[in-house]
Amino acid sequence: MASSCFTSDWSRRSYIWCPPPPPCNWKNRTIWTGDNLDIMRGMNSESVDLIYLDPPFNSNANYAAPIGSQAAGAAFKDTWGLDDINLAWHGEIKHEYPGLYELLNTTRATHGDSMMSYLIYIAIRLIEMKRLLKPTGSIYLHCDPTASHYLKLLMDSVFGRTSYRNEIVWKRTSAHALEHRTYSKITDRILYYSVSNKPIWNPPYDEYSKEYIKSAFRYSDKHGEYGIGDLTGGKAGSEYAYLPFGGASPSSGRAWAPPPREKFPPSARALIPKSYEDMDALEKCKALDEAGLIYWSKNRKPSYKKYLTTMKGIPAADLILNIPPVKGKEATCYPTQKPLKLLRRIICASSNTGDMVLDPFAGCATACVAAEIERRQWVGIDISPKAADLVRERTRKELGMIFKVHHRVDIPERTDLGRIIPYNSSANKKWLYGEQGGYCNGCEHHFEVRNMEVDHIIPRSKGGTDHISNLQLLCPACNSLKGTKTHEELLAMLTNKGWIKEKKAA
């Protein structure tokens, strides 16, 4: 039987795979330690094929790995309030995504500050992730029912509602004792979106159960185990498809529809004439019969032999019941660790060999390890340096090998913006002065060009570039007040000082 999509036939002892250089400004097998927003802002656009993120769930709980475990030292809090986010992000979202801004305000009214704060944190990062994805790229957001409905609306706003593909439900644990008069909570949600309507897609399949194989493939011959497949289909468009074959005729409204040669194993395929695909339906039926590939029932009803080795399995559904939670040797004791089998399925389905996979909340690096196993390139980001240690330890344990992991703590510098002139050049200053009409982009007062200063909207320390799209003119007072903060933070400070009206910084 053909292996399932998440089973690799790659030999661990023949590791000679050398992927082509990616259109990105980092090396394969890179783990960053730091704020993923700042780091993603420094990454090249359209450089990633697949993003999987497993962010905090807003579960109102704090997590830490046990002392002495493989993941010891890894911890994060999953409680949210307005103090946990940069409120200037709210202003950035209002400017770029007004619909999303209204959603956040509605969320605050219906669910309180905690949920709005959490969604602002996720939204500002999803905006960057959309920029990083290639036109054929996909994104999977792992969450639980606490926030999944809000997150779906958020992703509809950022990626567009037509980019929604599936909400996958994964049974992550077995039923346990009920609390607080609720049903047992045993599932997670995975929201799957694509950039376009033609994403990379390799249909995943589940293996057949032993019971199903025993009942559906109960016959065998020299080509292997087989079941019986329907030899008829809809209207075939040829008169020969309705003529009797071996004394049998297709039922009313049906026509002979023999399968293509690829539906048979190689040994059986060798017995089928090379001209098979050019034959009409009746001739194909006769050719299959002569090759011994037709099964005749006792009442002389013909079917084709459907061999187990040619079947891919059961098409995977949006309900995953057969991937258990992490246990045994795979467990690192990292809080919220997800199973490798789940990540391998996602990676195989929505990327190809050599593609670039990004996990911006790398945690214990499961997505990175899964990408390595499936011969993908990968990059991970996590606020904790423990992720870099874990990916080294886990790849050595899972693959039996050691290779160089590039651990970085800097902010990458984009290389996809073309030639960039010095940010404070007179050319930039003149162009910006014309664009802004001579007004400071902070306090909105008019100044002569010689009294204006070129400023980064997003500071370079937070992933901003010297590209003209990230530059503005400020008066000396506003530029001094802003310092290394973002433009939206400047507007918030100016509002507090009463220098500008509140509507500008909202």
Protein backbone atom coordinates (compact mmCIF):
# COMPACT_ATOMS: atom_id res chain seq x y z
CA MET A 1 0.00 0.00 0.00
CA ALA A 2 1.19 3.47 -0.80
CA SER A 3 2.47 5.37 2.22
CA SER A 4 0.57 8.31 3.65
CA CYS A 5 1.62 11.84 2.77
CA PHE A 6 3.43 12.43 6.03
CA THR A 7 5.62 9.33 5.71
CA SER A 8 8.99 10.11 4.20
CA ASP A 9 10.96 7.57 2.19
CA TRP A 10 14.08 9.71 2.62
CA SER A 11 17.00 7.74 4.01
CA ARG A 12 18.57 9.27 7.09
CA ARG A 13 21.92 7.83 6.04
CA SER A 14 21.98 9.44 2.59
CA TYR A 15 21.61 13.08 3.53
CA ILE A 16 22.85 14.68 0.30
CA TRP A 17 19.92 17.01 -0.38
CA CYS A 18 21.09 20.47 -1.45
CA PRO A 19 18.18 22.91 -2.00
CA PRO A 20 18.51 25.85 -4.36
CA PRO A 21 19.13 29.29 -2.85
CA PRO A 22 15.83 30.82 -1.64
CA PRO A 23 14.68 34.40 -2.45
CA CYS A 24 15.30 35.38 1.15
CA ASN A 25 17.82 37.24 3.26
CA TRP A 26 18.66 34.47 5.71
CA LYS A 27 20.14 30.99 5.59
CA ASN A 28 18.28 27.72 5.75
CA ARG A 29 18.07 26.29 9.31
CA THR A 30 17.99 29.67 11.02
CA ILE A 31 16.53 30.17 14.49
CA TRP A 32 16.05 33.75 15.67
CA THR A 33 15.70 34.77 19.29
CA GLY A 34 13.69 37.96 19.69
CA ASP A 35 10.37 39.65 18.98
CA ASN A 36 9.00 38.01 15.83
CA LEU A 37 7.38 41.29 14.70
CA ASP A 38 10.70 43.12 14.53
CA ILE A 39 12.42 40.18 12.85
CA MET A 40 9.67 39.61 10.26
CA ARG A 41 9.74 43.31 9.34
CA GLY A 42 13.34 42.78 8.28
CA MET A 43 12.60 39.70 6.14
CA ASN A 44 12.17 39.90 2.36
CA SER A 45 8.66 39.94 0.88
CA GLU A 46 7.32 36.80 -0.83
CA SER A 47 10.15 34.67 0.53
CA VAL A 48 8.15 31.99 2.38
CA ASP A 49 6.02 29.14 1.01
CA LEU A 50 4.29 28.02 4.20
CA ILE A 51 3.72 29.53 7.64
CA TYR A 52 2.60 27.51 10.63
CA LEU A 53 2.04 29.41 13.85
CA ASP A 54 1.04 28.11 17.25
CA PRO A 55 0.80 31.34 19.25
CA PRO A 56 -0.48 31.69 22.82
CA PHE A 57 -4.22 30.92 22.96
CA ASN A 58 -5.37 33.61 25.43
CA SER A 59 -6.06 30.73 27.78
CA ASN A 60 -5.62 32.84 30.93
CA ALA A 61 -2.87 30.52 32.12
CA ASN A 62 0.91 30.63 32.57
CA TYR A 63 3.18 27.82 31.36
CA ALA A 64 6.65 26.57 32.29
CA ALA A 65 8.56 23.38 31.52
CA PRO A 66 9.53 21.25 34.55
CA ILE A 67 13.02 21.69 35.98
CA GLY A 68 15.28 18.93 34.75
CA SER A 69 13.29 18.27 31.57
CA GLN A 70 14.63 18.66 28.04
CA ALA A 71 12.74 21.95 27.71
CA ALA A 72 13.61 23.31 31.14
CA GLY A 73 13.82 27.08 31.06
CA ALA A 74 11.06 27.50 28.51
CA ALA A 75 8.12 29.50 29.86
CA PHE A 76 5.49 31.98 28.73
CA LYS A 77 2.41 33.64 30.10
CA ASP A 78 -0.92 33.47 28.31
CA THR A 79 -2.86 36.13 30.14
CA TRP A 80 -3.58 39.36 28.32
CA GLY A 81 -4.34 42.97 29.15
CA LEU A 82 -3.75 46.39 27.63
CA ASP A 83 -0.36 46.56 29.37
CA ASP A 84 0.83 43.54 27.34
CA ILE A 85 0.66 45.21 23.93
CA ASN A 86 1.94 48.29 22.21
CA LEU A 87 -1.22 50.37 21.80
CA ALA A 88 0.39 52.12 18.84
CA TRP A 89 -0.24 48.88 16.91
CA HIS A 90 -3.92 49.72 17.14
CA GLY A 91 -3.24 52.92 15.21
CA GLU A 92 -1.24 51.08 12.56
CA ILE A 93 -4.12 48.64 12.04
CA LYS A 94 -6.63 51.49 11.73
CA HIS A 95 -4.59 53.09 8.96
CA GLU A 96 -4.05 49.90 6.89
CA TYR A 97 -7.11 47.75 7.75
CA PRO A 98 -10.12 49.87 8.79
CA GLY A 99 -12.42 46.82 8.77
CA LEU A 100 -10.09 45.00 11.15
CA TYR A 101 -9.94 48.08 13.35
CA GLU A 102 -13.73 48.04 13.71
CA LEU A 103 -13.61 44.32 14.49
CA LEU A 104 -11.15 44.96 17.32
CA ASN A 105 -13.35 47.67 18.79
CA THR A 106 -16.39 45.40 18.60
CA THR A 107 -14.41 42.62 20.28
CA ARG A 108 -13.55 44.96 23.14
CA ALA A 109 -17.23 45.80 23.59
CA THR A 110 -18.33 42.16 23.60
CA HIS A 111 -15.40 40.34 25.15
CA GLY A 112 -13.39 42.96 27.03
CA ASP A 113 -9.83 44.33 26.98
CA SER A 114 -8.17 40.92 27.24
CA MET A 115 -9.47 39.55 23.94
CA MET A 116 -8.93 42.86 22.11
CA SER A 117 -5.33 43.03 23.36
CA TYR A 118 -4.68 39.46 22.27
CA LEU A 119 -6.13 40.06 18.80
CA ILE A 120 -4.12 43.27 18.31
CA TYR A 121 -0.97 41.33 19.17
CA ILE A 122 -1.79 38.61 16.63
CA ALA A 123 -3.17 40.96 13.93
CA ILE A 124 -0.11 43.18 13.61
CA ARG A 125 1.99 40.04 13.10
CA LEU A 126 -0.40 38.45 10.60
CA ILE A 127 -0.10 41.57 8.47
CA GLU A 128 3.65 40.96 8.21
CA MET A 129 3.14 37.24 7.56
CA LYS A 130 0.90 38.01 4.61
CA ARG A 131 3.69 40.13 3.10
CA LEU A 132 6.20 37.30 3.57
CA LEU A 133 4.12 34.64 1.79
CA LYS A 134 4.55 33.86 -1.89
CA PRO A 135 1.46 34.01 -4.15
CA THR A 136 1.21 30.19 -3.89
CA GLY A 137 1.77 30.25 -0.14
CA SER A 138 -0.44 29.09 2.73
CA ILE A 139 -0.75 29.80 6.43
CA TYR A 140 -2.02 27.56 9.24
CA LEU A 141 -2.93 29.20 12.56
CA HIS A 142 -3.23 26.75 15.46
CA CYS A 143 -5.61 27.84 18.22
CA ASP A 144 -8.33 26.56 20.52
CA PRO A 145 -12.03 27.48 20.86
CA THR A 146 -11.20 30.25 23.34
CA ALA A 147 -10.41 32.64 20.49
CA SER A 148 -10.86 30.65 17.26
CA HIS A 149 -14.04 32.46 16.18
CA TYR A 150 -12.44 35.85 16.70
CA LEU A 151 -9.25 34.74 14.97
CA LYS A 152 -11.17 33.58 11.92
CA LEU A 153 -12.74 37.02 11.55
CA LEU A 154 -9.30 38.53 12.04
CA MET A 155 -7.79 36.35 9.30
CA ASP A 156 -10.74 37.13 7.00
CA SER A 157 -9.88 40.81 7.46
CA VAL A 158 -6.14 40.41 6.79
CA PHE A 159 -6.10 37.73 4.07
CA GLY A 160 -9.60 38.22 2.66
CA ARG A 161 -12.58 35.96 3.27
CA THR A 162 -12.10 34.21 -0.10
CA SER A 163 -8.67 33.05 1.08
CA TYR A 164 -10.25 30.84 3.74
CA ARG A 165 -9.83 27.14 2.91
CA ASN A 166 -10.59 25.06 6.01
CA GLU A 167 -11.12 25.01 9.74
CA ILE A 168 -9.45 21.79 10.82
CA VAL A 169 -10.48 20.20 14.11
CA TRP A 170 -7.80 18.10 15.81
CA LYS A 171 -8.64 15.79 18.68
CA ARG A 172 -5.71 16.57 20.97
CA THR A 173 -6.63 14.46 23.99
CA SER A 174 -9.10 11.94 25.33
CA ALA A 175 -12.27 12.86 27.18
CA HIS A 176 -11.80 13.70 30.83
CA ALA A 177 -13.95 14.59 33.79
CA LEU A 178 -16.40 17.41 33.14
CA GLU A 179 -16.04 20.67 35.01
CA HIS A 180 -18.29 23.65 35.50
CA ARG A 181 -21.21 22.02 33.69
CA THR A 182 -19.53 21.87 30.25
CA TYR A 183 -18.77 19.21 27.69
CA SER A 184 -15.25 17.82 27.86
CA LYS A 185 -12.85 20.06 25.90
CA ILE A 186 -10.64 17.79 23.82
CA THR A 187 -10.06 19.58 20.48
CA ASP A 188 -7.96 22.34 18.94
CA ARG A 189 -8.67 24.36 15.80
CA ILE A 190 -6.31 24.99 12.88
CA LEU A 191 -7.34 27.81 10.52
CA TYR A 192 -6.01 27.24 7.00
CA TYR A 193 -5.79 30.19 4.59
CA SER A 194 -3.99 30.73 1.28
CA VAL A 195 -2.75 33.88 -0.44
CA SER A 196 -4.45 33.00 -3.74
CA ASN A 197 -6.98 30.47 -4.99
CA LYS A 198 -4.15 28.32 -6.37
CA PRO A 199 -1.96 27.45 -3.40
CA ILE A 200 0.52 24.58 -3.35
CA TRP A 201 -1.56 21.52 -2.57
CA ASN A 202 -0.53 17.89 -2.23
CA PRO A 203 -3.69 16.05 -1.10
CA PRO A 204 -3.00 14.19 2.16
CA TYR A 205 -4.29 10.67 2.78
CA ASP A 206 -4.83 8.53 5.84
CA GLU A 207 -3.82 4.90 5.86
CA TYR A 208 -6.54 2.28 5.57
CA SER A 209 -7.33 0.36 8.72
CA LYS A 210 -6.59 -3.37 8.81
CA GLU A 211 -10.31 -4.04 9.06
CA TYR A 212 -11.05 -1.97 5.94
CA ILE A 213 -8.29 -3.68 3.95
CA LYS A 214 -9.60 -7.07 4.96
CA SER A 215 -13.13 -6.25 3.79
CA ALA A 216 -12.45 -4.04 0.74
CA PHE A 217 -9.43 -5.87 -0.73
CA ARG A 218 -10.33 -9.49 -0.07
CA TYR A 219 -9.13 -10.94 -3.38
CA SER A 220 -5.61 -11.46 -4.71
CA ASP A 221 -3.75 -12.56 -7.82
CA LYS A 222 -0.18 -12.40 -9.08
CA HIS A 223 -0.33 -8.57 -9.09
CA GLY A 224 -1.35 -8.30 -5.43
CA GLU A 225 -4.41 -7.78 -3.22
CA TYR A 226 -7.41 -6.18 -4.91
CA GLY A 227 -11.03 -5.18 -4.49
CA ILE A 228 -13.58 -4.50 -7.21
CA GLY A 229 -14.07 -1.11 -8.85
CA ASP A 230 -17.07 0.15 -10.78
CA LEU A 231 -16.47 -0.23 -14.52
CA THR A 232 -19.22 2.25 -15.40
CA GLY A 233 -19.60 5.99 -15.08
CA GLY A 234 -21.69 8.86 -16.42
CA LYS A 235 -22.36 9.48 -20.10
CA ALA A 236 -19.16 8.80 -22.02
CA GLY A 237 -20.10 10.59 -25.25
CA SER A 238 -19.42 7.61 -27.53
CA GLU A 239 -21.86 5.05 -28.84
CA TYR A 240 -19.42 2.24 -28.06
CA ALA A 241 -19.65 3.01 -24.35
CA TYR A 242 -23.23 1.71 -24.30
CA LEU A 243 -22.75 -1.53 -26.28
CA PRO A 244 -22.74 -4.94 -24.55
CA PHE A 245 -19.45 -6.20 -23.17
CA GLY A 246 -19.05 -9.94 -22.54
CA GLY A 247 -22.81 -10.33 -22.58
CA ALA A 248 -23.33 -7.55 -20.02
CA SER A 249 -24.68 -4.03 -20.58
CA PRO A 250 -24.23 -0.94 -18.40
CA SER A 251 -27.26 -0.07 -16.26
CA SER A 252 -29.69 2.61 -17.38
CA GLY A 253 -28.14 6.06 -17.55
CA ARG A 254 -24.61 4.65 -17.20
CA ALA A 255 -21.82 3.90 -19.69
CA TRP A 256 -18.64 1.84 -19.69
CA ALA A 257 -15.87 3.92 -18.13
CA PRO A 258 -12.72 1.79 -17.74
CA PRO A 259 -9.91 3.36 -15.65
CA PRO A 260 -6.63 4.70 -17.11
CA ARG A 261 -3.48 2.53 -17.17
CA GLU A 262 -2.08 4.38 -14.13
CA LYS A 263 -4.76 2.76 -11.96
CA PHE A 264 -2.94 -0.59 -12.21
CA PRO A 265 0.38 -1.75 -10.72
CA PRO A 266 3.41 -1.91 -13.05
CA SER A 267 3.24 -5.68 -13.52
CA ALA A 268 -0.40 -5.44 -14.66
CA ARG A 269 0.26 -2.28 -16.68
CA ALA A 270 2.79 -4.20 -18.78
CA LEU A 271 -0.03 -6.46 -20.02
CA ILE A 272 -2.15 -3.55 -21.27
CA PRO A 273 -1.58 -2.49 -24.93
CA LYS A 274 0.37 0.75 -25.37
CA SER A 275 -2.45 2.02 -27.59
CA TYR A 276 -4.89 1.66 -24.69
CA GLU A 277 -5.48 5.37 -24.13
CA ASP A 278 -6.47 5.82 -27.80
CA MET A 279 -9.10 3.06 -27.70
CA ASP A 280 -12.83 3.61 -27.27
CA ALA A 281 -14.51 2.50 -24.04
CA LEU A 282 -15.59 -0.92 -25.32
CA GLU A 283 -12.13 -1.73 -26.71
CA LYS A 284 -10.57 -0.74 -23.39
CA CYS A 285 -12.87 -3.12 -21.53
CA LYS A 286 -11.88 -5.96 -23.86
CA ALA A 287 -8.18 -5.13 -23.48
CA LEU A 288 -8.44 -5.22 -19.69
CA ASP A 289 -10.30 -8.53 -19.86
CA GLU A 290 -7.62 -10.08 -22.05
CA ALA A 291 -5.00 -8.92 -19.54
CA GLY A 292 -6.92 -10.61 -16.71
CA LEU A 293 -7.79 -7.32 -15.03
CA ILE A 294 -11.59 -7.69 -15.10
CA TYR A 295 -13.45 -9.40 -12.27
CA TRP A 296 -16.64 -11.24 -13.30
CA SER A 297 -19.24 -11.84 -10.62
CA LYS A 298 -21.44 -14.96 -10.50
CA ASN A 299 -24.21 -13.11 -12.34
CA ARG A 300 -21.70 -12.01 -15.03
CA LYS A 301 -21.39 -8.40 -13.93
CA PRO A 302 -17.94 -7.02 -14.84
CA SER A 303 -15.81 -4.83 -12.53
CA TYR A 304 -12.19 -3.79 -12.78
CA LYS A 305 -9.61 -5.04 -10.30
CA LYS A 306 -8.73 -2.21 -7.91
CA TYR A 307 -5.32 -3.05 -6.45
CA LEU A 308 -4.35 -2.04 -2.93
CA THR A 309 -0.84 -0.96 -3.98
CA THR A 310 -2.29 1.70 -6.31
CA MET A 311 -4.55 3.25 -3.69
CA LYS A 312 -3.26 6.30 -1.80
CA GLY A 313 -5.52 5.82 1.19
CA ILE A 314 -8.51 7.69 2.57
CA PRO A 315 -8.55 11.40 1.66
CA ALA A 316 -7.74 13.34 4.84
CA ALA A 317 -10.68 15.29 6.24
CA ASP A 318 -11.02 18.46 8.30
CA LEU A 319 -11.54 16.27 11.39
CA ILE A 320 -8.31 14.64 12.63
CA LEU A 321 -8.91 11.80 15.05
CA ASN A 322 -5.92 9.56 14.36
CA ILE A 323 -3.00 11.76 15.45
CA PRO A 324 -2.58 11.41 19.22
CA PRO A 325 -0.99 14.02 21.49
CA VAL A 326 2.74 14.01 22.18
CA LYS A 327 3.94 11.14 24.31
CA GLY A 328 6.91 8.85 24.86
CA LYS A 329 10.34 9.70 23.45
CA GLU A 330 9.01 12.60 21.39
CA ALA A 331 7.92 14.56 24.46
CA THR A 332 10.24 17.36 25.60
CA CYS A 333 7.97 18.57 28.43
CA TYR A 334 7.67 21.86 26.58
CA PRO A 335 4.35 23.55 27.37
CA THR A 336 1.77 23.08 24.58
CA GLN A 337 4.06 20.87 22.43
CA LYS A 338 2.35 19.54 19.27
CA PRO A 339 3.04 16.12 17.66
CA LEU A 340 5.47 15.78 14.77
CA LYS A 341 2.97 13.72 12.80
CA LEU A 342 0.51 16.62 12.73
CA LEU A 343 3.14 19.09 11.51
CA ARG A 344 4.48 16.67 8.90
CA ARG A 345 1.01 16.32 7.48
CA ILE A 346 0.54 20.08 7.18
CA ILE A 347 4.01 20.60 5.69
CA CYS A 348 3.59 17.82 3.12
CA ALA A 349 0.15 19.05 2.08
CA SER A 350 1.01 22.73 1.54
CA SER A 351 4.65 22.78 0.43
CA ASN A 352 7.04 20.95 -1.87
CA THR A 353 10.55 19.63 -1.38
CA GLY A 354 12.97 22.53 -0.95
CA ASP A 355 10.26 25.08 -0.07
CA MET A 356 10.74 27.52 2.81
CA VAL A 357 8.70 26.97 6.00
CA LEU A 358 8.41 29.65 8.70
CA ASP A 359 7.31 29.13 12.30
CA PRO A 360 7.20 32.57 14.00
CA PHE A 361 6.31 31.04 17.40
CA ALA A 362 8.81 28.19 17.24
CA GLY A 363 8.56 27.06 20.87
CA CYS A 364 10.13 23.59 21.00
CA ALA A 365 10.74 23.75 17.23
CA THR A 366 8.37 20.96 16.18
CA ALA A 367 7.60 22.65 12.85
CA CYS A 368 11.33 23.14 12.18
CA VAL A 369 12.12 19.49 12.92
CA ALA A 370 9.17 18.32 10.79
CA ALA A 371 10.34 20.54 7.90
CA GLU A 372 13.84 19.06 8.13
CA ILE A 373 12.47 15.51 8.07
CA GLU A 374 10.36 16.33 5.00
CA ARG A 375 13.30 17.96 3.15
CA ARG A 376 12.02 21.51 3.39
CA GLN A 377 14.04 24.57 4.26
CA TRP A 378 12.99 26.29 7.47
CA VAL A 379 13.32 29.32 9.69
CA GLY A 380 12.00 29.71 13.22
CA ILE A 381 11.56 32.63 15.60
CA ASP A 382 10.94 32.53 19.32
CA ILE A 383 11.25 34.98 22.18
CA SER A 384 13.09 32.34 24.21
CA PRO A 385 16.64 31.22 23.29
CA LYS A 386 15.60 27.72 24.40
CA ALA A 387 14.12 27.09 20.92
CA ALA A 388 17.59 27.11 19.36
CA ASP A 389 18.81 24.49 21.84
CA LEU A 390 15.76 22.31 21.35
CA VAL A 391 15.97 22.23 17.56
CA ARG A 392 19.58 21.01 17.80
CA GLU A 393 18.72 18.34 20.37
CA ARG A 394 15.58 17.16 18.59
CA THR A 395 17.07 16.90 15.10
CA ARG A 396 19.95 14.91 16.54
CA LYS A 397 17.49 12.59 18.27
CA GLU A 398 14.96 12.35 15.40
CA LEU A 399 17.43 12.20 12.50
CA GLY A 400 20.50 10.76 14.17
CA MET A 401 22.67 13.57 12.83
CA ILE A 402 24.17 16.91 13.72
CA PHE A 403 24.22 19.93 11.44
CA LYS A 404 24.78 23.64 11.89
CA VAL A 405 21.80 25.65 13.11
CA HIS A 406 22.21 29.36 12.51
CA HIS A 407 21.21 31.10 15.74
CA ARG A 408 20.67 34.85 15.32
CA VAL A 409 19.59 37.62 17.67
CA ASP A 410 19.85 40.54 15.24
CA ILE A 411 17.24 42.15 13.00
CA PRO A 412 17.72 41.10 9.34
CA GLU A 413 18.18 43.75 6.69
CA ARG A 414 15.93 43.47 3.65
CA THR A 415 17.59 42.95 0.26
CA ASP A 416 14.47 42.98 -1.92
CA LEU A 417 13.91 46.74 -2.14
CA GLY A 418 16.32 47.47 -4.96
CA ARG A 419 18.93 50.19 -4.81
CA ILE A 420 18.40 52.37 -1.74
CA ILE A 421 20.00 55.78 -1.54
CA PRO A 422 21.14 57.13 1.86
CA TYR A 423 18.01 57.79 3.87
CA ASN A 424 18.90 61.40 4.77
CA SER A 425 19.90 62.38 1.23
CA SER A 426 18.71 65.67 -0.24
CA ALA A 427 16.79 63.74 -2.92
CA ASN A 428 14.71 61.93 -0.30
CA LYS A 429 14.18 65.13 1.65
CA LYS A 430 12.94 67.07 -1.39
CA TRP A 431 10.59 64.27 -2.47
CA LEU A 432 9.13 63.86 1.04
CA TYR A 433 8.73 67.61 1.43
CA GLY A 434 6.62 67.68 -1.72
CA GLU A 435 4.59 64.64 -0.65
CA GLN A 436 3.82 66.14 2.78
CA GLY A 437 3.23 69.63 1.41
CA GLY A 438 5.80 71.08 3.78
CA TYR A 439 3.97 69.89 6.90
CA CYS A 440 5.53 67.91 9.74
CA ASN A 441 4.10 64.39 9.75
CA GLY A 442 3.80 64.58 13.54
CA CYS A 443 2.49 67.91 14.85
CA GLU A 444 1.22 68.93 11.37
CA HIS A 445 2.82 72.41 11.50
CA HIS A 446 4.35 73.93 8.37
CA PHE A 447 8.11 74.36 8.14
CA GLU A 448 10.65 75.29 5.52
CA VAL A 449 12.55 72.33 4.07
CA ARG A 450 15.79 73.31 5.83
CA ASN A 451 14.04 72.97 9.19
CA MET A 452 12.79 69.41 8.56
CA GLU A 453 14.52 66.13 9.42
CA VAL A 454 14.24 62.73 7.70
CA ASP A 455 12.91 60.05 10.05
CA HIS A 456 12.19 56.30 9.90
CA ILE A 457 8.47 55.54 10.34
CA ILE A 458 9.39 52.11 11.73
CA PRO A 459 12.83 52.37 13.41
CA ARG A 460 15.63 50.29 11.99
CA SER A 461 15.97 48.67 15.43
CA LYS A 462 12.48 47.26 14.93
CA GLY A 463 12.95 45.98 11.37
CA GLY A 464 12.38 49.25 9.48
CA THR A 465 14.35 49.96 6.30
CA ASP A 466 15.93 53.00 4.60
CA HIS A 467 13.50 52.61 1.70
CA ILE A 468 11.54 55.76 0.84
CA SER A 469 8.31 53.99 1.78
CA ASN A 470 9.53 53.90 5.41
CA LEU A 471 10.63 57.54 5.58
CA GLN A 472 8.92 60.77 6.59
CA LEU A 473 9.78 64.37 7.51
CA LEU A 474 9.42 65.60 11.08
CA CYS A 475 10.23 68.90 12.70
CA PRO A 476 13.18 68.75 15.15
CA ALA A 477 10.87 68.76 18.19
CA CYS A 478 8.80 65.82 16.97
CA ASN A 479 11.87 63.91 15.83
CA SER A 480 13.50 64.34 19.23
CA LEU A 481 10.31 63.27 21.02
CA LYS A 482 9.94 60.20 18.79
CA GLY A 483 13.50 58.94 19.27
CA THR A 484 13.57 55.19 18.51
CA LYS A 485 9.82 54.75 18.82
CA THR A 486 7.40 54.02 15.96
CA HIS A 487 5.38 56.74 14.25
CA GLU A 488 2.16 55.55 15.89
CA GLU A 489 3.81 55.83 19.30
CA LEU A 490 4.80 59.40 18.44
CA LEU A 491 1.21 60.25 17.58
CA ALA A 492 0.04 58.78 20.88
CA MET A 493 2.55 60.96 22.78
CA LEU A 494 1.57 64.06 20.81
CA THR A 495 -2.06 63.41 21.65
CA ASN A 496 -1.26 63.10 25.35
CA LYS A 497 0.57 66.43 25.20
CA GLY A 498 -2.38 68.03 23.39
CA TRP A 499 -0.26 68.92 20.34
CA ILE A 500 -2.59 67.12 17.91
CA LYS A 501 -6.21 66.08 17.99
CA GLU A 502 -7.02 62.63 19.34
CA LYS A 503 -8.54 61.43 16.06
CA LYS A 504 -5.13 61.32 14.40
CA ALA A 505 -3.63 58.90 16.91
CA ALA A 506 -6.75 56.78 17.39
